[in-house]
Amino acid sequence: MRFTVTVEGVVIAGHSLLIVDKIVTATERSTLNAAKIQSDLQDVYFCASELVQKGEKVSRAEILRSRLTEEVMSSFWKRLEDYGDLGDCEVYRDIFKEVGLL
């Protein structure tokens, strides 16, 4: 299946799909749920780190890239500023470049 991997016989979403979904989720989640937003941001970084470790990039497939609109990415950076740690934006920009998101 496209954008999936099999781990010990179980088909799960691959990191390319997960990172896109988590970026979108972080922008759509209610601001009343700060802990979940922070968790989403950590998940984004984890997925990006896994992609870097494996030498992979986020698929440029239209189905994934169409979800990361300019508006979504702008909202993501705002959420990172509001709910991340100081300096996270620079760290995330660097790793996003490595995995082909920027």
PDB file of N, CA and C in Angstrom:
ATOM      1  N   MET A   1       0.836  -1.182   0.000  1.00  0.00           N
ATOM      2  CA  MET A   1       0.000   0.000   0.000  1.00  0.00           C
ATOM      3  C   MET A   1       0.880   1.245   0.000  1.00  0.00           C
ATOM      4  N   ARG A   2       0.403   2.271  -0.622  1.00  0.00           N
ATOM      5  CA  ARG A   2       1.122   3.517  -0.714  1.00  0.00           C
ATOM      6  C   ARG A   2       1.156   4.225   0.642  1.00  0.00           C
ATOM      7  N   PHE A   3       2.307   4.748   1.028  1.00  0.00           N
ATOM      8  CA  PHE A   3       2.508   5.506   2.269  1.00  0.00           C
ATOM      9  C   PHE A   3       2.389   4.657   3.531  1.00  0.00           C
ATOM     10  N   THR A   4       2.516   3.356   3.415  1.00  0.00           N
ATOM     11  CA  THR A   4       2.454   2.487   4.581  1.00  0.00           C
ATOM     12  C   THR A   4       3.721   1.640   4.653  1.00  0.00           C
ATOM     13  N   VAL A   5       3.939   1.057   5.815  1.00  0.00           N
ATOM     14  CA  VAL A   5       5.029   0.105   6.025  1.00  0.00           C
ATOM     15  C   VAL A   5       4.463  -1.061   6.824  1.00  0.00           C
ATOM     16  N   THR A   6       5.133  -2.180   6.738  1.00  0.00           N
ATOM     17  CA  THR A   6       4.728  -3.349   7.505  1.00  0.00           C
ATOM     18  C   THR A   6       5.758  -3.584   8.597  1.00  0.00           C
ATOM     19  N   VAL A   7       5.287  -3.607   9.831  1.00  0.00           N
ATOM     20  CA  VAL A   7       6.146  -3.846  10.986  1.00  0.00           C
ATOM     21  C   VAL A   7       5.629  -5.087  11.690  1.00  0.00           C
ATOM     22  N   GLU A   8       6.464  -6.113  11.716  1.00  0.00           N
ATOM     23  CA  GLU A   8       6.096  -7.375  12.346  1.00  0.00           C
ATOM     24  C   GLU A   8       4.729  -7.867  11.877  1.00  0.00           C
ATOM     25  N   GLY A   9       4.497  -7.764  10.577  1.00  0.00           N
ATOM     26  CA  GLY A   9       3.268  -8.257   9.980  1.00  0.00           C
ATOM     27  C   GLY A   9       2.075  -7.321  10.062  1.00  0.00           C
ATOM     28  N   VAL A  10       2.249  -6.156  10.667  1.00  0.00           N
ATOM     29  CA  VAL A  10       1.153  -5.198  10.809  1.00  0.00           C
ATOM     30  C   VAL A  10       1.411  -4.008   9.883  1.00  0.00           C
ATOM     31  N   VAL A  11       0.422  -3.667   9.072  1.00  0.00           N
ATOM     32  CA  VAL A  11       0.545  -2.528   8.159  1.00  0.00           C
ATOM     33  C   VAL A  11       0.181  -1.258   8.919  1.00  0.00           C
ATOM     34  N   ILE A  12       1.115  -0.295   8.913  1.00  0.00           N
ATOM     35  CA  ILE A  12       0.884   0.981   9.608  1.00  0.00           C
ATOM     36  C   ILE A  12       1.241   2.128   8.665  1.00  0.00           C
ATOM     37  N   ALA A  13       0.817   3.316   9.018  1.00  0.00           N
ATOM     38  CA  ALA A  13       1.143   4.496   8.232  1.00  0.00           C
ATOM     39  C   ALA A  13       2.643   4.750   8.297  1.00  0.00           C
ATOM     40  N   GLY A  14       3.223   5.114   7.169  1.00  0.00           N
ATOM     41  CA  GLY A  14       4.639   5.464   7.122  1.00  0.00           C
ATOM     42  C   GLY A  14       4.879   6.863   7.658  1.00  0.00           C
ATOM     43  N   HIS A  15       6.148   7.183   7.914  1.00  0.00           N
ATOM     44  CA  HIS A  15       6.479   8.489   8.491  1.00  0.00           C
ATOM     45  C   HIS A  15       6.115   9.651   7.578  1.00  0.00           C
ATOM     46  N   SER A  16       6.157   9.460   6.257  1.00  0.00           N
ATOM     47  CA  SER A  16       5.758  10.536   5.338  1.00  0.00           C
ATOM     48  C   SER A  16       4.294  10.905   5.531  1.00  0.00           C
ATOM     49  N   LEU A  17       3.456   9.900   5.679  1.00  0.00           N
ATOM     50  CA  LEU A  17       2.032  10.155   5.898  1.00  0.00           C
ATOM     51  C   LEU A  17       1.789  10.706   7.294  1.00  0.00           C
ATOM     52  N   LEU A  18       2.446  10.128   8.281  1.00  0.00           N
ATOM     53  CA  LEU A  18       2.242  10.573   9.665  1.00  0.00           C
ATOM     54  C   LEU A  18       2.650  12.028   9.875  1.00  0.00           C
ATOM     55  N   ILE A  19       3.776  12.438   9.291  1.00  0.00           N
ATOM     56  CA  ILE A  19       4.232  13.805   9.522  1.00  0.00           C
ATOM     57  C   ILE A  19       3.256  14.806   8.911  1.00  0.00           C
ATOM     58  N   VAL A  20       2.743  14.489   7.745  1.00  0.00           N
ATOM     59  CA  VAL A  20       1.763  15.381   7.114  1.00  0.00           C
ATOM     60  C   VAL A  20       0.504  15.451   7.963  1.00  0.00           C
ATOM     61  N   ASP A  21       0.008  14.295   8.403  1.00  0.00           N
ATOM     62  CA  ASP A  21      -1.203  14.287   9.230  1.00  0.00           C
ATOM     63  C   ASP A  21      -1.000  15.030  10.548  1.00  0.00           C
ATOM     64  N   LYS A  22       0.161  14.871  11.166  1.00  0.00           N
ATOM     65  CA  LYS A  22       0.417  15.541  12.441  1.00  0.00           C
ATOM     66  C   LYS A  22       0.565  17.056  12.270  1.00  0.00           C
ATOM     67  N   ILE A  23       1.150  17.494  11.174  1.00  0.00           N
ATOM     68  CA  ILE A  23       1.240  18.938  10.911  1.00  0.00           C
ATOM     69  C   ILE A  23      -0.164  19.510  10.793  1.00  0.00           C
ATOM     70  N   VAL A  24      -1.004  18.847  10.023  1.00  0.00           N
ATOM     71  CA  VAL A  24      -2.384  19.311   9.846  1.00  0.00           C
ATOM     72  C   VAL A  24      -3.136  19.265  11.174  1.00  0.00           C
ATOM     73  N   THR A  25      -3.001  18.175  11.909  1.00  0.00           N
ATOM     74  CA  THR A  25      -3.695  18.027  13.192  1.00  0.00           C
ATOM     75  C   THR A  25      -3.285  19.119  14.174  1.00  0.00           C
ATOM     76  N   ALA A  26      -2.008  19.438  14.225  1.00  0.00           N
ATOM     77  CA  ALA A  26      -1.534  20.480  15.147  1.00  0.00           C
ATOM     78  C   ALA A  26      -2.176  21.827  14.844  1.00  0.00           C
ATOM     79  N   THR A  27      -2.498  22.068  13.592  1.00  0.00           N
ATOM     80  CA  THR A  27      -3.104  23.359  13.231  1.00  0.00           C
ATOM     81  C   THR A  27      -4.609  23.369  13.455  1.00  0.00           C
ATOM     82  N   GLU A  28      -5.226  22.195  13.476  1.00  0.00           N
ATOM     83  CA  GLU A  28      -6.681  22.126  13.600  1.00  0.00           C
ATOM     84  C   GLU A  28      -7.163  21.905  15.034  1.00  0.00           C
ATOM     85  N   ARG A  29      -6.284  21.469  15.903  1.00  0.00           N
ATOM     86  CA  ARG A  29      -6.689  21.147  17.271  1.00  0.00           C
ATOM     87  C   ARG A  29      -7.065  22.417  18.039  1.00  0.00           C
ATOM     88  N   SER A  30      -8.045  22.311  18.894  1.00  0.00           N
ATOM     89  CA  SER A  30      -8.496  23.434  19.710  1.00  0.00           C
ATOM     90  C   SER A  30      -7.367  23.956  20.594  1.00  0.00           C
ATOM     91  N   THR A  31      -7.277  25.267  20.704  1.00  0.00           N
ATOM     92  CA  THR A  31      -6.252  25.869  21.558  1.00  0.00           C
ATOM     93  C   THR A  31      -6.511  25.577  23.030  1.00  0.00           C
ATOM     94  N   LEU A  32      -7.668  25.048  23.352  1.00  0.00           N
ATOM     95  CA  LEU A  32      -7.980  24.660  24.727  1.00  0.00           C
ATOM     96  C   LEU A  32      -7.248  23.375  25.121  1.00  0.00           C
ATOM     97  N   ASN A  33      -6.652  22.723  24.138  1.00  0.00           N
ATOM     98  CA  ASN A  33      -5.981  21.454  24.395  1.00  0.00           C
ATOM     99  C   ASN A  33      -4.478  21.595  24.135  1.00  0.00           C
ATOM    100  N   ALA A  34      -3.837  22.430  24.917  1.00  0.00           N
ATOM    101  CA  ALA A  34      -2.416  22.736  24.735  1.00  0.00           C
ATOM    102  C   ALA A  34      -1.531  21.493  24.829  1.00  0.00           C
ATOM    103  N   ALA A  35      -1.862  20.581  25.735  1.00  0.00           N
ATOM    104  CA  ALA A  35      -1.035  19.381  25.904  1.00  0.00           C
ATOM    105  C   ALA A  35      -1.038  18.529  24.642  1.00  0.00           C
ATOM    106  N   LYS A  36      -2.189  18.402  23.990  1.00  0.00           N
ATOM    107  CA  LYS A  36      -2.271  17.621  22.757  1.00  0.00           C
ATOM    108  C   LYS A  36      -1.527  18.326  21.623  1.00  0.00           C
ATOM    109  N   ILE A  37      -1.599  19.653  21.567  1.00  0.00           N
ATOM    110  CA  ILE A  37      -0.864  20.399  20.549  1.00  0.00           C
ATOM    111  C   ILE A  37       0.631  20.176  20.726  1.00  0.00           C
ATOM    112  N   GLN A  38       1.091  20.249  21.959  1.00  0.00           N
ATOM    113  CA  GLN A  38       2.509  20.015  22.228  1.00  0.00           C
ATOM    114  C   GLN A  38       2.906  18.594  21.847  1.00  0.00           C
ATOM    115  N   SER A  39       2.033  17.646  22.110  1.00  0.00           N
ATOM    116  CA  SER A  39       2.284  16.259  21.727  1.00  0.00           C
ATOM    117  C   SER A  39       2.351  16.119  20.201  1.00  0.00           C
ATOM    118  N   ASP A  40       1.448  16.797  19.502  1.00  0.00           N
ATOM    119  CA  ASP A  40       1.473  16.783  18.035  1.00  0.00           C
ATOM    120  C   ASP A  40       2.794  17.338  17.513  1.00  0.00           C
ATOM    121  N   LEU A  41       3.253  18.424  18.106  1.00  0.00           N
ATOM    122  CA  LEU A  41       4.514  19.039  17.683  1.00  0.00           C
ATOM    123  C   LEU A  41       5.686  18.087  17.910  1.00  0.00           C
ATOM    124  N   GLN A  42       5.663  17.395  19.034  1.00  0.00           N
ATOM    125  CA  GLN A  42       6.714  16.405  19.313  1.00  0.00           C
ATOM    126  C   GLN A  42       6.647  15.250  18.311  1.00  0.00           C
ATOM    127  N   ASP A  43       5.435  14.832  17.960  1.00  0.00           N
ATOM    128  CA  ASP A  43       5.269  13.764  16.971  1.00  0.00           C
ATOM    129  C   ASP A  43       5.814  14.179  15.607  1.00  0.00           C
ATOM    130  N   VAL A  44       5.594  15.431  15.239  1.00  0.00           N
ATOM    131  CA  VAL A  44       6.118  15.944  13.971  1.00  0.00           C
ATOM    132  C   VAL A  44       7.640  15.839  13.969  1.00  0.00           C
ATOM    133  N   TYR A  45       8.245  16.266  15.058  1.00  0.00           N
ATOM    134  CA  TYR A  45       9.710  16.214  15.136  1.00  0.00           C
ATOM    135  C   TYR A  45      10.207  14.762  15.114  1.00  0.00           C
ATOM    136  N   PHE A  46       9.520  13.895  15.824  1.00  0.00           N
ATOM    137  CA  PHE A  46       9.900  12.476  15.831  1.00  0.00           C
ATOM    138  C   PHE A  46       9.854  11.899  14.420  1.00  0.00           C
ATOM    139  N   CYS A  47       8.769  12.143  13.706  1.00  0.00           N
ATOM    140  CA  CYS A  47       8.645  11.620  12.334  1.00  0.00           C
ATOM    141  C   CYS A  47       9.746  12.175  11.442  1.00  0.00           C
ATOM    142  N   ALA A  48      10.020  13.469  11.566  1.00  0.00           N
ATOM    143  CA  ALA A  48      11.085  14.076  10.763  1.00  0.00           C
ATOM    144  C   ALA A  48      12.430  13.455  11.107  1.00  0.00           C
ATOM    145  N   SER A  49      12.679  13.225  12.379  1.00  0.00           N
ATOM    146  CA  SER A  49      13.938  12.605  12.809  1.00  0.00           C
ATOM    147  C   SER A  49      14.085  11.196  12.248  1.00  0.00           C
ATOM    148  N   GLU A  50      13.004  10.440  12.259  1.00  0.00           N
ATOM    149  CA  GLU A  50      13.025   9.090  11.704  1.00  0.00           C
ATOM    150  C   GLU A  50      13.322   9.118  10.203  1.00  0.00           C
ATOM    151  N   LEU A  51      12.714  10.069   9.508  1.00  0.00           N
ATOM    152  CA  LEU A  51      12.972  10.198   8.068  1.00  0.00           C
ATOM    153  C   LEU A  51      14.435  10.536   7.807  1.00  0.00           C
ATOM    154  N   VAL A  52      14.988  11.449   8.601  1.00  0.00           N
ATOM    155  CA  VAL A  52      16.397  11.819   8.451  1.00  0.00           C
ATOM    156  C   VAL A  52      17.281  10.608   8.712  1.00  0.00           C
ATOM    157  N   GLN A  53      17.000   9.895   9.781  1.00  0.00           N
ATOM    158  CA  GLN A  53      17.802   8.727  10.149  1.00  0.00           C
ATOM    159  C   GLN A  53      17.811   7.679   9.035  1.00  0.00           C
ATOM    160  N   LYS A  54      16.682   7.536   8.353  1.00  0.00           N
ATOM    161  CA  LYS A  54      16.575   6.546   7.277  1.00  0.00           C
ATOM    162  C   LYS A  54      17.007   7.110   5.921  1.00  0.00           C
ATOM    163  N   GLY A  55      17.362   8.402   5.896  1.00  0.00           N
ATOM    164  CA  GLY A  55      17.763   9.025   4.643  1.00  0.00           C
ATOM    165  C   GLY A  55      16.614   9.202   3.669  1.00  0.00           C
ATOM    166  N   GLU A  56      15.405   9.336   4.200  1.00  0.00           N
ATOM    167  CA  GLU A  56      14.208   9.466   3.369  1.00  0.00           C
ATOM    168  C   GLU A  56      13.707  10.906   3.368  1.00  0.00           C
ATOM    169  N   LYS A  57      12.907  11.216   2.383  1.00  0.00           N
ATOM    170  CA  LYS A  57      12.267  12.522   2.292  1.00  0.00           C
ATOM    171  C   LYS A  57      10.762  12.308   2.230  1.00  0.00           C
ATOM    172  N   VAL A  58      10.011  13.347   2.579  1.00  0.00           N
ATOM    173  CA  VAL A  58       8.560  13.272   2.485  1.00  0.00           C
ATOM    174  C   VAL A  58       8.198  13.155   1.013  1.00  0.00           C
ATOM    175  N   SER A  59       7.327  12.236   0.732  1.00  0.00           N
ATOM    176  CA  SER A  59       6.907  12.005  -0.647  1.00  0.00           C
ATOM    177  C   SER A  59       6.341  13.287  -1.246  1.00  0.00           C
ATOM    178  N   ARG A  60       6.687  13.529  -2.463  1.00  0.00           N
ATOM    179  CA  ARG A  60       6.149  14.699  -3.161  1.00  0.00           C
ATOM    180  C   ARG A  60       4.830  14.376  -3.848  1.00  0.00           C
ATOM    181  N   ALA A  61       4.308  13.204  -3.528  1.00  0.00           N
ATOM    182  CA  ALA A  61       3.039  12.791  -4.130  1.00  0.00           C
ATOM    183  C   ALA A  61       1.978  13.853  -3.878  1.00  0.00           C
ATOM    184  N   GLU A  62       1.210  14.108  -4.869  1.00  0.00           N
ATOM    185  CA  GLU A  62       0.186  15.157  -4.813  1.00  0.00           C
ATOM    186  C   GLU A  62      -0.761  14.976  -3.623  1.00  0.00           C
ATOM    187  N   ILE A  63      -1.107  13.731  -3.332  1.00  0.00           N
ATOM    188  CA  ILE A  63      -2.056  13.475  -2.248  1.00  0.00           C
ATOM    189  C   ILE A  63      -1.533  13.974  -0.898  1.00  0.00           C
ATOM    190  N   LEU A  64      -0.231  13.893  -0.672  1.00  0.00           N
ATOM    191  CA  LEU A  64       0.337  14.378   0.583  1.00  0.00           C
ATOM    192  C   LEU A  64       0.598  15.873   0.529  1.00  0.00           C
ATOM    193  N   ARG A  65       1.245  16.312  -0.517  1.00  0.00           N
ATOM    194  CA  ARG A  65       1.651  17.714  -0.606  1.00  0.00           C
ATOM    195  C   ARG A  65       0.446  18.655  -0.669  1.00  0.00           C
ATOM    196  N   SER A  66      -0.661  18.199  -1.225  1.00  0.00           N
ATOM    197  CA  SER A  66      -1.842  19.066  -1.337  1.00  0.00           C
ATOM    198  C   SER A  66      -2.417  19.409   0.037  1.00  0.00           C
ATOM    199  N   ARG A  67      -2.113  18.603   1.037  1.00  0.00           N
ATOM    200  CA  ARG A  67      -2.601  18.883   2.397  1.00  0.00           C
ATOM    201  C   ARG A  67      -1.780  19.952   3.087  1.00  0.00           C
ATOM    202  N   LEU A  68      -0.536  20.150   2.639  1.00  0.00           N
ATOM    203  CA  LEU A  68       0.347  21.125   3.286  1.00  0.00           C
ATOM    204  C   LEU A  68       0.313  22.444   2.516  1.00  0.00           C
ATOM    205  N   THR A  69      -0.838  23.075   2.564  1.00  0.00           N
ATOM    206  CA  THR A  69      -1.010  24.352   1.880  1.00  0.00           C
ATOM    207  C   THR A  69      -0.206  25.439   2.602  1.00  0.00           C
ATOM    208  N   GLU A  70      -0.091  26.562   1.958  1.00  0.00           N
ATOM    209  CA  GLU A  70       0.604  27.700   2.571  1.00  0.00           C
ATOM    210  C   GLU A  70      -0.083  28.090   3.881  1.00  0.00           C
ATOM    211  N   GLU A  71      -1.401  28.031   3.887  1.00  0.00           N
ATOM    212  CA  GLU A  71      -2.170  28.377   5.094  1.00  0.00           C
ATOM    213  C   GLU A  71      -1.888  27.392   6.235  1.00  0.00           C
ATOM    214  N   VAL A  72      -1.848  26.110   5.912  1.00  0.00           N
ATOM    215  CA  VAL A  72      -1.569  25.095   6.923  1.00  0.00           C
ATOM    216  C   VAL A  72      -0.165  25.292   7.491  1.00  0.00           C
ATOM    217  N   MET A  73       0.811  25.494   6.624  1.00  0.00           N
ATOM    218  CA  MET A  73       2.179  25.664   7.099  1.00  0.00           C
ATOM    219  C   MET A  73       2.324  26.939   7.925  1.00  0.00           C
ATOM    220  N   SER A  74       1.668  27.998   7.526  1.00  0.00           N
ATOM    221  CA  SER A  74       1.702  29.246   8.295  1.00  0.00           C
ATOM    222  C   SER A  74       1.103  29.013   9.689  1.00  0.00           C
ATOM    223  N   SER A  75      -0.008  28.300   9.737  1.00  0.00           N
ATOM    224  CA  SER A  75      -0.644  27.978  11.023  1.00  0.00           C
ATOM    225  C   SER A  75       0.245  27.080  11.869  1.00  0.00           C
ATOM    226  N   PHE A  76       0.953  26.152  11.216  1.00  0.00           N
ATOM    227  CA  PHE A  76       1.859  25.268  11.947  1.00  0.00           C
ATOM    228  C   PHE A  76       2.967  26.074  12.616  1.00  0.00           C
ATOM    229  N   TRP A  77       3.598  26.992  11.883  1.00  0.00           N
ATOM    230  CA  TRP A  77       4.685  27.793  12.469  1.00  0.00           C
ATOM    231  C   TRP A  77       4.174  28.647  13.624  1.00  0.00           C
ATOM    232  N   LYS A  78       2.953  29.144  13.504  1.00  0.00           N
ATOM    233  CA  LYS A  78       2.360  29.937  14.585  1.00  0.00           C
ATOM    234  C   LYS A  78       2.140  29.055  15.817  1.00  0.00           C
ATOM    235  N   ARG A  79       1.627  27.848  15.616  1.00  0.00           N
ATOM    236  CA  ARG A  79       1.425  26.929  16.733  1.00  0.00           C
ATOM    237  C   ARG A  79       2.755  26.582  17.390  1.00  0.00           C
ATOM    238  N   LEU A  80       3.782  26.386  16.580  1.00  0.00           N
ATOM    239  CA  LEU A  80       5.094  26.062  17.121  1.00  0.00           C
ATOM    240  C   LEU A  80       5.628  27.215  17.967  1.00  0.00           C
ATOM    241  N   GLU A  81       5.417  28.430  17.508  1.00  0.00           N
ATOM    242  CA  GLU A  81       5.834  29.609  18.291  1.00  0.00           C
ATOM    243  C   GLU A  81       5.074  29.676  19.607  1.00  0.00           C
ATOM    244  N   ASP A  82       3.788  29.400  19.555  1.00  0.00           N
ATOM    245  CA  ASP A  82       2.929  29.538  20.739  1.00  0.00           C
ATOM    246  C   ASP A  82       3.077  28.391  21.736  1.00  0.00           C
ATOM    247  N   TYR A  83       3.311  27.179  21.243  1.00  0.00           N
ATOM    248  CA  TYR A  83       3.279  26.011  22.110  1.00  0.00           C
ATOM    249  C   TYR A  83       4.601  25.245  22.185  1.00  0.00           C
ATOM    250  N   GLY A  84       5.556  25.601  21.376  1.00  0.00           N
ATOM    251  CA  GLY A  84       6.845  24.916  21.400  1.00  0.00           C
ATOM    252  C   GLY A  84       7.806  25.594  22.353  1.00  0.00           C
ATOM    253  N   ASP A  85       9.017  25.073  22.393  1.00  0.00           N
ATOM    254  CA  ASP A  85      10.064  25.666  23.211  1.00  0.00           C
ATOM    255  C   ASP A  85      10.790  26.741  22.417  1.00  0.00           C
ATOM    256  N   LEU A  86      11.420  27.641  23.132  1.00  0.00           N
ATOM    257  CA  LEU A  86      12.202  28.697  22.511  1.00  0.00           C
ATOM    258  C   LEU A  86      13.250  28.078  21.589  1.00  0.00           C
ATOM    259  N   GLY A  87      13.317  28.533  20.377  1.00  0.00           N
ATOM    260  CA  GLY A  87      14.292  28.023  19.418  1.00  0.00           C
ATOM    261  C   GLY A  87      13.788  26.879  18.566  1.00  0.00           C
ATOM    262  N   ASP A  88      12.582  26.371  18.854  1.00  0.00           N
ATOM    263  CA  ASP A  88      12.053  25.245  18.087  1.00  0.00           C
ATOM    264  C   ASP A  88      11.886  25.562  16.604  1.00  0.00           C
ATOM    265  N   CYS A  89      11.453  26.779  16.286  1.00  0.00           N
ATOM    266  CA  CYS A  89      11.197  27.113  14.880  1.00  0.00           C
ATOM    267  C   CYS A  89      12.446  26.893  14.025  1.00  0.00           C
ATOM    268  N   GLU A  90      13.584  27.321  14.509  1.00  0.00           N
ATOM    269  CA  GLU A  90      14.820  27.157  13.751  1.00  0.00           C
ATOM    270  C   GLU A  90      15.177  25.674  13.607  1.00  0.00           C
ATOM    271  N   VAL A  91      15.020  24.924  14.683  1.00  0.00           N
ATOM    272  CA  VAL A  91      15.312  23.484  14.658  1.00  0.00           C
ATOM    273  C   VAL A  91      14.384  22.773  13.679  1.00  0.00           C
ATOM    274  N   TYR A  92      13.102  23.092  13.733  1.00  0.00           N
ATOM    275  CA  TYR A  92      12.136  22.455  12.839  1.00  0.00           C
ATOM    276  C   TYR A  92      12.391  22.858  11.387  1.00  0.00           C
ATOM    277  N   ARG A  93      12.723  24.113  11.141  1.00  0.00           N
ATOM    278  CA  ARG A  93      13.017  24.535   9.756  1.00  0.00           C
ATOM    279  C   ARG A  93      14.199  23.743   9.203  1.00  0.00           C
ATOM    280  N   ASP A  94      15.225  23.555  10.010  1.00  0.00           N
ATOM    281  CA  ASP A  94      16.391  22.803   9.549  1.00  0.00           C
ATOM    282  C   ASP A  94      16.037  21.365   9.206  1.00  0.00           C
ATOM    283  N   ILE A  95      15.292  20.714  10.092  1.00  0.00           N
ATOM    284  CA  ILE A  95      14.955  19.300   9.836  1.00  0.00           C
ATOM    285  C   ILE A  95      13.935  19.188   8.710  1.00  0.00           C
ATOM    286  N   PHE A  96      13.037  20.166   8.570  1.00  0.00           N
ATOM    287  CA  PHE A  96      12.082  20.147   7.465  1.00  0.00           C
ATOM    288  C   PHE A  96      12.811  20.249   6.132  1.00  0.00           C
ATOM    289  N   LYS A  97      13.877  21.040   6.089  1.00  0.00           N
ATOM    290  CA  LYS A  97      14.679  21.131   4.856  1.00  0.00           C
ATOM    291  C   LYS A  97      15.290  19.776   4.531  1.00  0.00           C
ATOM    292  N   GLU A  98      15.784  19.089   5.546  1.00  0.00           N
ATOM    293  CA  GLU A  98      16.415  17.782   5.341  1.00  0.00           C
ATOM    294  C   GLU A  98      15.463  16.739   4.791  1.00  0.00           C
ATOM    295  N   VAL A  99      14.187  16.834   5.183  1.00  0.00           N
ATOM    296  CA  VAL A  99      13.223  15.815   4.743  1.00  0.00           C
ATOM    297  C   VAL A  99      12.362  16.278   3.570  1.00  0.00           C
ATOM    298  N   GLY A 100      12.681  17.445   3.010  1.00  0.00           N
ATOM    299  CA  GLY A 100      11.996  17.893   1.801  1.00  0.00           C
ATOM    300  C   GLY A 100      10.676  18.608   2.006  1.00  0.00           C
ATOM    301  N   LEU A 101      10.411  19.047   3.248  1.00  0.00           N
ATOM    302  CA  LEU A 101       9.178  19.799   3.490  1.00  0.00           C
ATOM    303  C   LEU A 101       9.326  21.289   3.197  1.00  0.00           C
ATOM    304  N   LEU A 102      10.555  21.757   3.132  1.00  0.00           N
ATOM    305  CA  LEU A 102      10.820  23.165   2.797  1.00  0.00           C
ATOM    306  C   LEU A 102      11.786  23.225   1.638  1.00  0.00           C
TER     307      LEU A 102
END
